[in-house]
């Protein structure tokens, strides 16, 4: 589990966030696909609608995951540099 005092994210919460985002994206895809079929417009509108849904809904939902990955990489690199400095290379 993550320690809030250290700023380390909760990995289980991040996994739940990714699963929730996947379910929302799938629901949006089905809903928008149904809407495009119901309106009887060109299938290109589905692509446009999904791109818009990605920018407005999906990408903001995944922001904490991207931040956690960025933090993990930064901490790993800091640990690597500290180990390299200790070993005297």
Protein backbone atom coordinates (compact mmCIF):
# COMPACT_ATOMS: atom_id res chain seq x y z
CA UNK A 1 0.00 0.00 0.00
CA UNK A 2 1.11 3.54 -0.55
CA UNK A 3 2.28 5.79 2.21
CA UNK A 4 0.60 9.21 1.87
CA UNK A 5 3.36 10.91 3.90
CA UNK A 6 5.96 9.86 1.32
CA UNK A 7 3.80 10.62 -1.69
CA UNK A 8 3.91 6.98 -2.80
CA UNK A 9 0.67 6.06 -4.60
CA UNK A 10 -1.53 3.14 -3.63
CA UNK A 11 -0.99 0.53 -6.34
CA UNK A 12 -4.35 -1.13 -5.73
CA UNK A 13 -6.13 2.20 -6.17
CA UNK A 14 -4.24 2.73 -9.42
CA UNK A 15 -5.26 -0.73 -10.65
CA UNK A 16 -8.89 0.02 -9.79
CA UNK A 17 -8.58 3.33 -11.65
CA UNK A 18 -7.26 1.58 -14.77
CA UNK A 19 -10.03 -1.03 -14.65
CA UNK A 20 -12.68 1.64 -14.13
CA UNK A 21 -11.29 3.63 -17.05
CA UNK A 22 -11.38 0.51 -19.21
CA UNK A 23 -15.00 -0.12 -18.31
CA UNK A 24 -15.95 3.50 -18.98
CA UNK A 25 -14.10 3.44 -22.32
CA UNK A 26 -15.86 0.22 -23.33
CA UNK A 27 -19.23 1.66 -22.32
CA UNK A 28 -18.52 4.84 -24.26
CA UNK A 29 -17.52 2.81 -27.30
CA UNK A 30 -20.72 0.77 -27.18
CA UNK A 31 -22.88 3.81 -26.53
CA UNK A 32 -21.29 5.90 -29.24
CA UNK A 33 -21.39 2.98 -31.65
CA UNK A 34 -25.09 2.54 -30.98
CA UNK A 35 -25.66 6.28 -31.42
CA UNK A 36 -23.81 6.35 -34.75
CA UNK A 37 -25.81 3.33 -35.97
CA UNK A 38 -29.09 4.82 -34.74
CA UNK A 39 -28.41 8.15 -36.43
CA UNK A 40 -27.42 6.26 -39.61
CA UNK A 41 -24.40 8.45 -40.26
CA UNK A 42 -20.98 7.50 -41.64
CA UNK A 43 -18.75 5.30 -39.47
CA UNK A 44 -16.11 8.01 -39.51
CA UNK A 45 -18.22 9.84 -36.93
CA UNK A 46 -17.55 6.99 -34.50
CA UNK A 47 -13.82 7.63 -34.84
CA UNK A 48 -14.32 11.35 -34.29
CA UNK A 49 -16.59 10.73 -31.28
CA UNK A 50 -14.13 8.27 -29.72
CA UNK A 51 -11.25 10.73 -30.19
CA UNK A 52 -13.32 13.38 -28.45
CA UNK A 53 -14.28 10.95 -25.66
CA UNK A 54 -10.60 10.08 -25.19
CA UNK A 55 -9.59 13.72 -24.82
CA UNK A 56 -12.51 14.71 -22.59
CA UNK A 57 -13.06 11.59 -20.46
CA UNK A 58 -10.44 8.86 -20.70
CA UNK A 59 -7.20 10.85 -20.63
CA UNK A 60 -8.17 12.88 -17.52
CA UNK A 61 -9.22 9.67 -15.76
CA UNK A 62 -5.74 8.22 -16.28
CA UNK A 63 -3.83 11.30 -15.07
CA UNK A 64 -3.10 9.82 -11.59
CA UNK A 65 -1.70 6.69 -13.23
CA UNK A 66 0.65 8.71 -15.43
CA UNK A 67 1.74 10.76 -12.41
CA UNK A 68 2.44 7.59 -10.42
CA UNK A 69 4.51 6.13 -13.25
CA UNK A 70 6.48 9.37 -13.51
CA UNK A 71 7.10 9.34 -9.72
CA UNK A 72 8.18 5.69 -9.78
CA UNK A 73 10.66 6.34 -12.58
CA UNK A 74 12.06 9.39 -10.78
CA UNK A 75 12.48 7.45 -7.51
CA UNK A 76 14.12 4.51 -9.29
CA UNK A 77 16.56 6.82 -11.07
CA UNK A 78 17.39 8.61 -7.81
CA UNK A 79 18.05 5.27 -6.14
CA UNK A 80 20.25 4.23 -9.06
CA UNK A 81 22.29 7.43 -8.81
CA UNK A 82 22.65 7.05 -5.04
CA UNK A 83 23.83 3.44 -5.43
CA UNK A 84 26.24 4.45 -8.16
CA UNK A 85 27.64 7.22 -5.95
CA UNK A 86 28.02 4.83 -2.97
CA UNK A 87 29.85 2.22 -5.02
CA UNK A 88 32.30 4.87 -6.25
CA UNK A 89 31.91 4.29 -9.97
